Amino acid sequence: MQELTPEIVATLIDRIEIGQAKMVDGVKKQEIKIIYNFIGNITE
């Protein structure tokens, strides 16, 4: 694979979940989860 195309990304990712934005210590924080096909959610 030489290039990551939109078609390849659509094949690899099942869905993206975006949480509600919150202000924490004056900074906007928002949780984003990428759920991959065949793997699930990967955490750091």
PDB file of N, CA and C in Angstrom:
ATOM      1  N   MET A   1       0.856  -1.159   0.000  1.00  0.00           N
ATOM      2  CA  MET A   1       0.000   0.000   0.000  1.00  0.00           C
ATOM      3  C   MET A   1       0.914   1.237   0.000  1.00  0.00           C
ATOM      4  N   GLN A   2       0.745   2.080  -0.971  1.00  0.00           N
ATOM      5  CA  GLN A   2       1.558   3.286  -1.108  1.00  0.00           C
ATOM      6  C   GLN A   2       0.847   4.529  -0.581  1.00  0.00           C
ATOM      7  N   GLU A   3      -0.478   4.486  -0.562  1.00  0.00           N
ATOM      8  CA  GLU A   3      -1.250   5.667  -0.222  1.00  0.00           C
ATOM      9  C   GLU A   3      -2.505   5.258   0.547  1.00  0.00           C
ATOM     10  N   LEU A   4      -2.863   6.060   1.546  1.00  0.00           N
ATOM     11  CA  LEU A   4      -4.081   5.803   2.307  1.00  0.00           C
ATOM     12  C   LEU A   4      -5.223   6.594   1.665  1.00  0.00           C
ATOM     13  N   THR A   5      -6.089   5.892   0.964  1.00  0.00           N
ATOM     14  CA  THR A   5      -7.187   6.530   0.237  1.00  0.00           C
ATOM     15  C   THR A   5      -8.460   6.495   1.081  1.00  0.00           C
ATOM     16  N   PRO A   6      -9.450   7.309   0.750  1.00  0.00           N
ATOM     17  CA  PRO A   6     -10.732   7.254   1.483  1.00  0.00           C
ATOM     18  C   PRO A   6     -11.370   5.870   1.443  1.00  0.00           C
ATOM     19  N   GLU A   7     -11.196   5.153   0.369  1.00  0.00           N
ATOM     20  CA  GLU A   7     -11.770   3.808   0.255  1.00  0.00           C
ATOM     21  C   GLU A   7     -11.106   2.846   1.238  1.00  0.00           C
ATOM     22  N   ILE A   8      -9.802   2.952   1.405  1.00  0.00           N
ATOM     23  CA  ILE A   8      -9.094   2.090   2.346  1.00  0.00           C
ATOM     24  C   ILE A   8      -9.495   2.434   3.774  1.00  0.00           C
ATOM     25  N   VAL A   9      -9.595   3.722   4.083  1.00  0.00           N
ATOM     26  CA  VAL A   9     -10.015   4.147   5.418  1.00  0.00           C
ATOM     27  C   VAL A   9     -11.416   3.628   5.713  1.00  0.00           C
ATOM     28  N   ALA A  10     -12.321   3.705   4.764  1.00  0.00           N
ATOM     29  CA  ALA A  10     -13.692   3.215   4.953  1.00  0.00           C
ATOM     30  C   ALA A  10     -13.703   1.712   5.207  1.00  0.00           C
ATOM     31  N   THR A  11     -12.772   0.989   4.633  1.00  0.00           N
ATOM     32  CA  THR A  11     -12.680  -0.452   4.839  1.00  0.00           C
ATOM     33  C   THR A  11     -12.134  -0.779   6.229  1.00  0.00           C
ATOM     34  N   LEU A  12     -11.197   0.030   6.711  1.00  0.00           N
ATOM     35  CA  LEU A  12     -10.543  -0.244   7.991  1.00  0.00           C
ATOM     36  C   LEU A  12     -11.355   0.203   9.202  1.00  0.00           C
ATOM     37  N   ILE A  13     -12.139   1.286   9.075  1.00  0.00           N
ATOM     38  CA  ILE A  13     -12.840   1.856  10.218  1.00  0.00           C
ATOM     39  C   ILE A  13     -14.317   1.479  10.183  1.00  0.00           C
ATOM     40  N   ASP A  14     -14.800   0.931  11.318  1.00  0.00           N
ATOM     41  CA  ASP A  14     -16.203   0.570  11.452  1.00  0.00           C
ATOM     42  C   ASP A  14     -17.031   1.809  11.750  1.00  0.00           C
ATOM     43  N   ARG A  15     -16.601   2.579  12.786  1.00  0.00           N
ATOM     44  CA  ARG A  15     -17.323   3.800  13.151  1.00  0.00           C
ATOM     45  C   ARG A  15     -16.425   4.688  14.005  1.00  0.00           C
ATOM     46  N   ILE A  16     -16.826   5.947  14.135  1.00  0.00           N
ATOM     47  CA  ILE A  16     -16.148   6.905  14.990  1.00  0.00           C
ATOM     48  C   ILE A  16     -17.181   7.452  15.966  1.00  0.00           C
ATOM     49  N   GLU A  17     -16.871   7.360  17.256  1.00  0.00           N
ATOM     50  CA  GLU A  17     -17.768   7.844  18.293  1.00  0.00           C
ATOM     51  C   GLU A  17     -17.166   9.116  18.894  1.00  0.00           C
ATOM     52  N   ILE A  18     -17.965  10.181  18.959  1.00  0.00           N
ATOM     53  CA  ILE A  18     -17.499  11.456  19.486  1.00  0.00           C
ATOM     54  C   ILE A  18     -18.339  11.799  20.708  1.00  0.00           C
ATOM     55  N   GLY A  19     -17.650  11.990  21.847  1.00  0.00           N
ATOM     56  CA  GLY A  19     -18.328  12.299  23.100  1.00  0.00           C
ATOM     57  C   GLY A  19     -18.670  13.773  23.204  1.00  0.00           C
ATOM     58  N   GLN A  20     -19.399  14.094  24.255  1.00  0.00           N
ATOM     59  CA  GLN A  20     -19.807  15.472  24.496  1.00  0.00           C
ATOM     60  C   GLN A  20     -18.605  16.302  24.933  1.00  0.00           C
ATOM     61  N   ALA A  21     -18.492  17.511  24.416  1.00  0.00           N
ATOM     62  CA  ALA A  21     -17.405  18.412  24.784  1.00  0.00           C
ATOM     63  C   ALA A  21     -17.598  18.922  26.200  1.00  0.00           C
ATOM     64  N   LYS A  22     -16.491  18.995  26.962  1.00  0.00           N
ATOM     65  CA  LYS A  22     -16.528  19.480  28.343  1.00  0.00           C
ATOM     66  C   LYS A  22     -15.378  20.465  28.532  1.00  0.00           C
ATOM     67  N   MET A  23     -15.584  21.438  29.420  1.00  0.00           N
ATOM     68  CA  MET A  23     -14.526  22.363  29.787  1.00  0.00           C
ATOM     69  C   MET A  23     -13.851  21.840  31.057  1.00  0.00           C
ATOM     70  N   VAL A  24     -12.543  21.611  30.999  1.00  0.00           N
ATOM     71  CA  VAL A  24     -11.766  21.145  32.136  1.00  0.00           C
ATOM     72  C   VAL A  24     -10.601  22.106  32.322  1.00  0.00           C
ATOM     73  N   ASP A  25     -10.597  22.810  33.437  1.00  0.00           N
ATOM     74  CA  ASP A  25      -9.551  23.804  33.727  1.00  0.00           C
ATOM     75  C   ASP A  25      -9.403  24.824  32.602  1.00  0.00           C
ATOM     76  N   GLY A  26     -10.522  25.249  32.034  1.00  0.00           N
ATOM     77  CA  GLY A  26     -10.508  26.249  30.974  1.00  0.00           C
ATOM     78  C   GLY A  26     -10.131  25.718  29.606  1.00  0.00           C
ATOM     79  N   VAL A  27      -9.987  24.393  29.492  1.00  0.00           N
ATOM     80  CA  VAL A  27      -9.610  23.772  28.214  1.00  0.00           C
ATOM     81  C   VAL A  27     -10.750  22.859  27.760  1.00  0.00           C
ATOM     82  N   LYS A  28     -11.127  22.975  26.499  1.00  0.00           N
ATOM     83  CA  LYS A  28     -12.183  22.127  25.942  1.00  0.00           C
ATOM     84  C   LYS A  28     -11.629  20.722  25.727  1.00  0.00           C
ATOM     85  N   LYS A  29     -12.289  19.718  26.316  1.00  0.00           N
ATOM     86  CA  LYS A  29     -11.899  18.310  26.174  1.00  0.00           C
ATOM     87  C   LYS A  29     -13.048  17.550  25.538  1.00  0.00           C
ATOM     88  N   GLN A  30     -12.709  16.612  24.661  1.00  0.00           N
ATOM     89  CA  GLN A  30     -13.724  15.818  23.993  1.00  0.00           C
ATOM     90  C   GLN A  30     -13.133  14.446  23.696  1.00  0.00           C
ATOM     91  N   GLU A  31     -13.848  13.402  24.087  1.00  0.00           N
ATOM     92  CA  GLU A  31     -13.381  12.039  23.847  1.00  0.00           C
ATOM     93  C   GLU A  31     -13.783  11.585  22.447  1.00  0.00           C
ATOM     94  N   ILE A  32     -12.828  11.016  21.737  1.00  0.00           N
ATOM     95  CA  ILE A  32     -13.077  10.485  20.399  1.00  0.00           C
ATOM     96  C   ILE A  32     -12.583   9.043  20.367  1.00  0.00           C
ATOM     97  N   LYS A  33     -13.456   8.123  19.974  1.00  0.00           N
ATOM     98  CA  LYS A  33     -13.090   6.710  19.854  1.00  0.00           C
ATOM     99  C   LYS A  33     -13.206   6.298  18.392  1.00  0.00           C
ATOM    100  N   ILE A  34     -12.173   5.648  17.886  1.00  0.00           N
ATOM    101  CA  ILE A  34     -12.209   5.085  16.539  1.00  0.00           C
ATOM    102  C   ILE A  34     -12.331   3.570  16.699  1.00  0.00           C
ATOM    103  N   ILE A  35     -13.415   3.017  16.190  1.00  0.00           N
ATOM    104  CA  ILE A  35     -13.671   1.586  16.276  1.00  0.00           C
ATOM    105  C   ILE A  35     -13.306   0.974  14.923  1.00  0.00           C
ATOM    106  N   TYR A  36     -12.284   0.119  14.947  1.00  0.00           N
ATOM    107  CA  TYR A  36     -11.783  -0.481  13.715  1.00  0.00           C
ATOM    108  C   TYR A  36     -12.491  -1.793  13.411  1.00  0.00           C
ATOM    109  N   ASN A  37     -12.641  -2.110  12.145  1.00  0.00           N
ATOM    110  CA  ASN A  37     -13.161  -3.414  11.736  1.00  0.00           C
ATOM    111  C   ASN A  37     -12.171  -4.493  12.175  1.00  0.00           C
ATOM    112  N   PHE A  38     -12.668  -5.593  12.649  1.00  0.00           N
ATOM    113  CA  PHE A  38     -11.902  -6.798  13.005  1.00  0.00           C
ATOM    114  C   PHE A  38     -11.031  -6.609  14.242  1.00  0.00           C
ATOM    115  N   ILE A  39     -10.895  -5.379  14.779  1.00  0.00           N
ATOM    116  CA  ILE A  39     -10.021  -5.141  15.924  1.00  0.00           C
ATOM    117  C   ILE A  39     -10.792  -4.569  17.107  1.00  0.00           C
ATOM    118  N   GLY A  40     -11.684  -3.621  16.844  1.00  0.00           N
ATOM    119  CA  GLY A  40     -12.408  -2.925  17.905  1.00  0.00           C
ATOM    120  C   GLY A  40     -11.704  -1.629  18.263  1.00  0.00           C
ATOM    121  N   ASN A  41     -11.879  -1.187  19.507  1.00  0.00           N
ATOM    122  CA  ASN A  41     -11.305   0.062  19.975  1.00  0.00           C
ATOM    123  C   ASN A  41      -9.871  -0.180  20.450  1.00  0.00           C
ATOM    124  N   ILE A  42      -8.937   0.662  20.045  1.00  0.00           N
ATOM    125  CA  ILE A  42      -7.549   0.576  20.481  1.00  0.00           C
ATOM    126  C   ILE A  42      -7.293   1.739  21.410  1.00  0.00           C
ATOM    127  N   THR A  43      -6.849   1.459  22.637  1.00  0.00           N
ATOM    128  CA  THR A  43      -6.533   2.522  23.580  1.00  0.00           C
ATOM    129  C   THR A  43      -5.036   2.696  23.658  1.00  0.00           C
ATOM    130  N   GLU A  44      -4.621   3.893  24.060  1.00  0.00           N
ATOM    131  CA  GLU A  44      -3.178   4.162  24.164  1.00  0.00           C
ATOM    132  C   GLU A  44      -2.574   3.488  25.344  1.00  0.00           C
TER     133      GLU A  44
END
